[in-house]
N, C-alpha and C. Protein backbone atom coordinates (compact mmCIF):
# COMPACT_ATOMS: atom_id res chain seq x y z
N MET A 1 13.52 9.55 -7.09
CA MET A 1 12.80 9.79 -5.87
C MET A 1 12.06 8.51 -5.50
N ARG A 2 12.12 8.15 -4.23
CA ARG A 2 11.38 6.99 -3.73
C ARG A 2 10.15 7.46 -2.98
N ILE A 3 9.02 6.86 -3.34
CA ILE A 3 7.74 7.23 -2.74
C ILE A 3 7.11 5.98 -2.12
N LEU A 4 6.59 6.12 -0.91
CA LEU A 4 5.89 5.05 -0.22
C LEU A 4 4.40 5.38 -0.18
N ALA A 5 3.58 4.43 -0.59
CA ALA A 5 2.12 4.59 -0.53
C ALA A 5 1.56 3.47 0.34
N VAL A 6 0.84 3.85 1.40
CA VAL A 6 0.28 2.87 2.34
C VAL A 6 -1.23 3.07 2.39
N GLU A 7 -1.96 2.03 2.00
CA GLU A 7 -3.43 2.07 1.94
C GLU A 7 -3.94 0.65 2.01
N ASP A 8 -4.91 0.39 2.89
CA ASP A 8 -5.42 -0.98 3.02
C ASP A 8 -6.53 -1.30 2.04
N GLU A 9 -7.04 -0.31 1.33
CA GLU A 9 -8.05 -0.56 0.30
C GLU A 9 -7.35 -0.66 -1.05
N LYS A 10 -7.34 -1.85 -1.62
CA LYS A 10 -6.56 -2.13 -2.82
C LYS A 10 -6.89 -1.20 -3.99
N LEU A 11 -8.16 -0.93 -4.22
CA LEU A 11 -8.55 -0.07 -5.33
C LEU A 11 -7.97 1.34 -5.17
N ALA A 12 -8.04 1.87 -3.96
CA ALA A 12 -7.49 3.20 -3.68
C ALA A 12 -5.97 3.20 -3.83
N LEU A 13 -5.32 2.14 -3.34
CA LEU A 13 -3.86 2.03 -3.44
C LEU A 13 -3.43 1.95 -4.90
N ASP A 14 -4.11 1.12 -5.67
CA ASP A 14 -3.79 1.00 -7.10
C ASP A 14 -3.95 2.33 -7.83
N GLY A 15 -5.03 3.05 -7.52
CA GLY A 15 -5.27 4.34 -8.16
C GLY A 15 -4.20 5.36 -7.79
N LEU A 16 -3.83 5.41 -6.52
CA LEU A 16 -2.80 6.33 -6.07
C LEU A 16 -1.47 6.03 -6.75
N CYS A 17 -1.08 4.76 -6.76
CA CYS A 17 0.20 4.37 -7.36
C CYS A 17 0.22 4.66 -8.86
N GLU A 18 -0.88 4.38 -9.52
CA GLU A 18 -0.98 4.64 -10.96
C GLU A 18 -0.81 6.14 -11.24
N THR A 19 -1.46 6.96 -10.45
CA THR A 19 -1.36 8.41 -10.62
C THR A 19 0.06 8.89 -10.35
N LEU A 20 0.66 8.40 -9.28
CA LEU A 20 2.03 8.81 -8.96
C LEU A 20 3.00 8.42 -10.07
N ARG A 21 2.84 7.23 -10.60
CA ARG A 21 3.74 6.77 -11.68
C ARG A 21 3.54 7.58 -12.96
N ARG A 22 2.32 8.01 -13.20
CA ARG A 22 2.04 8.81 -14.39
C ARG A 22 2.59 10.23 -14.24
N VAL A 23 2.38 10.83 -13.07
CA VAL A 23 2.81 12.21 -12.82
C VAL A 23 4.32 12.30 -12.59
N LEU A 24 4.88 11.29 -11.95
CA LEU A 24 6.32 11.27 -11.63
C LEU A 24 6.95 10.00 -12.21
N PRO A 25 7.08 9.93 -13.53
CA PRO A 25 7.51 8.68 -14.18
C PRO A 25 8.91 8.19 -13.79
N LYS A 26 9.76 9.06 -13.31
CA LYS A 26 11.11 8.64 -12.92
C LYS A 26 11.19 8.19 -11.47
N SER A 27 10.07 8.24 -10.77
CA SER A 27 10.04 7.87 -9.36
C SER A 27 9.86 6.36 -9.18
N GLU A 28 10.31 5.90 -8.03
CA GLU A 28 10.14 4.50 -7.63
C GLU A 28 9.04 4.48 -6.58
N VAL A 29 7.91 3.89 -6.91
CA VAL A 29 6.75 3.88 -6.02
C VAL A 29 6.63 2.51 -5.36
N HIS A 30 6.61 2.50 -4.02
CA HIS A 30 6.44 1.27 -3.25
C HIS A 30 5.04 1.27 -2.66
N ALA A 31 4.28 0.20 -2.89
CA ALA A 31 2.92 0.09 -2.40
C ALA A 31 2.86 -0.92 -1.26
N CYS A 32 2.21 -0.53 -0.16
CA CYS A 32 2.04 -1.42 1.00
C CYS A 32 0.59 -1.36 1.46
N THR A 33 0.09 -2.50 1.94
CA THR A 33 -1.29 -2.55 2.42
C THR A 33 -1.39 -2.58 3.94
N THR A 34 -0.27 -2.74 4.63
CA THR A 34 -0.27 -2.72 6.10
C THR A 34 0.88 -1.85 6.59
N MET A 35 0.76 -1.36 7.82
CA MET A 35 1.84 -0.56 8.38
C MET A 35 3.06 -1.42 8.64
N GLU A 36 2.86 -2.69 8.99
CA GLU A 36 4.00 -3.59 9.20
C GLU A 36 4.81 -3.72 7.92
N GLU A 37 4.12 -3.87 6.82
CA GLU A 37 4.76 -3.96 5.51
C GLU A 37 5.51 -2.66 5.20
N ALA A 38 4.89 -1.53 5.52
CA ALA A 38 5.51 -0.23 5.26
C ALA A 38 6.76 -0.04 6.12
N LEU A 39 6.69 -0.44 7.38
CA LEU A 39 7.85 -0.31 8.25
C LEU A 39 9.01 -1.17 7.78
N ALA A 40 8.70 -2.38 7.29
CA ALA A 40 9.74 -3.26 6.74
C ALA A 40 10.36 -2.61 5.50
N ALA A 41 9.53 -2.02 4.64
CA ALA A 41 10.05 -1.34 3.45
C ALA A 41 10.91 -0.14 3.85
N GLY A 42 10.50 0.55 4.92
CA GLY A 42 11.26 1.70 5.41
C GLY A 42 12.62 1.33 5.97
N ARG A 43 12.75 0.12 6.47
CA ARG A 43 14.06 -0.34 6.96
C ARG A 43 15.01 -0.63 5.81
N GLN A 44 14.47 -0.92 4.63
CA GLN A 44 15.28 -1.28 3.48
C GLN A 44 15.48 -0.13 2.50
N ASN A 45 14.67 0.92 2.60
CA ASN A 45 14.73 2.03 1.66
C ASN A 45 14.59 3.36 2.38
N ALA A 46 15.17 4.39 1.79
CA ALA A 46 14.98 5.75 2.28
C ALA A 46 13.94 6.41 1.37
N PHE A 47 12.79 6.75 1.92
CA PHE A 47 11.72 7.36 1.13
C PHE A 47 11.75 8.87 1.30
N GLN A 48 11.57 9.58 0.19
CA GLN A 48 11.49 11.03 0.24
C GLN A 48 10.07 11.50 0.52
N ILE A 49 9.08 10.72 0.08
CA ILE A 49 7.68 11.07 0.26
C ILE A 49 6.93 9.83 0.73
N ALA A 50 5.98 10.02 1.66
CA ALA A 50 5.13 8.91 2.10
C ALA A 50 3.68 9.37 2.13
N PHE A 51 2.81 8.61 1.49
CA PHE A 51 1.37 8.81 1.53
C PHE A 51 0.81 7.75 2.46
N LEU A 52 0.26 8.16 3.61
CA LEU A 52 -0.19 7.22 4.63
C LEU A 52 -1.69 7.30 4.83
N ASP A 53 -2.32 6.15 4.90
CA ASP A 53 -3.75 6.04 5.21
C ASP A 53 -3.92 6.40 6.69
N ILE A 54 -4.82 7.32 7.00
CA ILE A 54 -4.99 7.70 8.41
C ILE A 54 -5.87 6.73 9.18
N GLU A 55 -6.64 5.91 8.48
CA GLU A 55 -7.44 4.86 9.12
C GLU A 55 -7.03 3.53 8.51
N LEU A 56 -5.98 2.97 9.04
CA LEU A 56 -5.38 1.77 8.48
C LEU A 56 -5.73 0.55 9.31
N GLY A 57 -6.66 -0.25 8.83
CA GLY A 57 -7.05 -1.46 9.54
C GLY A 57 -7.53 -1.16 10.94
N MET A 58 -6.86 -1.72 11.94
CA MET A 58 -7.27 -1.57 13.33
C MET A 58 -6.65 -0.33 14.00
N GLY A 59 -5.81 0.41 13.29
CA GLY A 59 -5.17 1.56 13.92
C GLY A 59 -4.93 2.68 12.94
N SER A 60 -4.15 3.63 13.37
CA SER A 60 -3.84 4.80 12.57
C SER A 60 -2.53 4.62 11.83
N GLY A 61 -2.46 5.18 10.63
CA GLY A 61 -1.19 5.17 9.89
C GLY A 61 -0.30 6.32 10.30
N ILE A 62 -0.83 7.24 11.10
CA ILE A 62 -0.07 8.41 11.48
C ILE A 62 0.92 8.11 12.62
N ALA A 63 0.47 7.42 13.65
CA ALA A 63 1.31 7.16 14.81
C ALA A 63 2.63 6.46 14.46
N PRO A 64 2.62 5.40 13.66
CA PRO A 64 3.89 4.74 13.33
C PRO A 64 4.73 5.48 12.28
N ALA A 65 4.23 6.58 11.75
CA ALA A 65 4.95 7.30 10.70
C ALA A 65 6.33 7.77 11.13
N GLU A 66 6.48 8.10 12.42
CA GLU A 66 7.77 8.55 12.92
C GLU A 66 8.84 7.48 12.78
N LYS A 67 8.46 6.22 12.71
CA LYS A 67 9.41 5.13 12.59
C LYS A 67 9.95 4.99 11.17
N LEU A 68 9.27 5.61 10.22
CA LEU A 68 9.72 5.55 8.83
C LEU A 68 10.92 6.46 8.66
């Protein structure tokens, strides 16, 4: 399973990814700090699950989610 985690706060992103890897050890977790980075990862991978920050930098992580 491929999982995408998008969070602009590094500590929160690291904690989320660590938890996901521990709970789902066979999963491939991709960490991104910007929506641009996440969209680029989405063009190269098919993700089954995405955890998106709703307050991402200057905008929302929800609006661009449809592009993933």
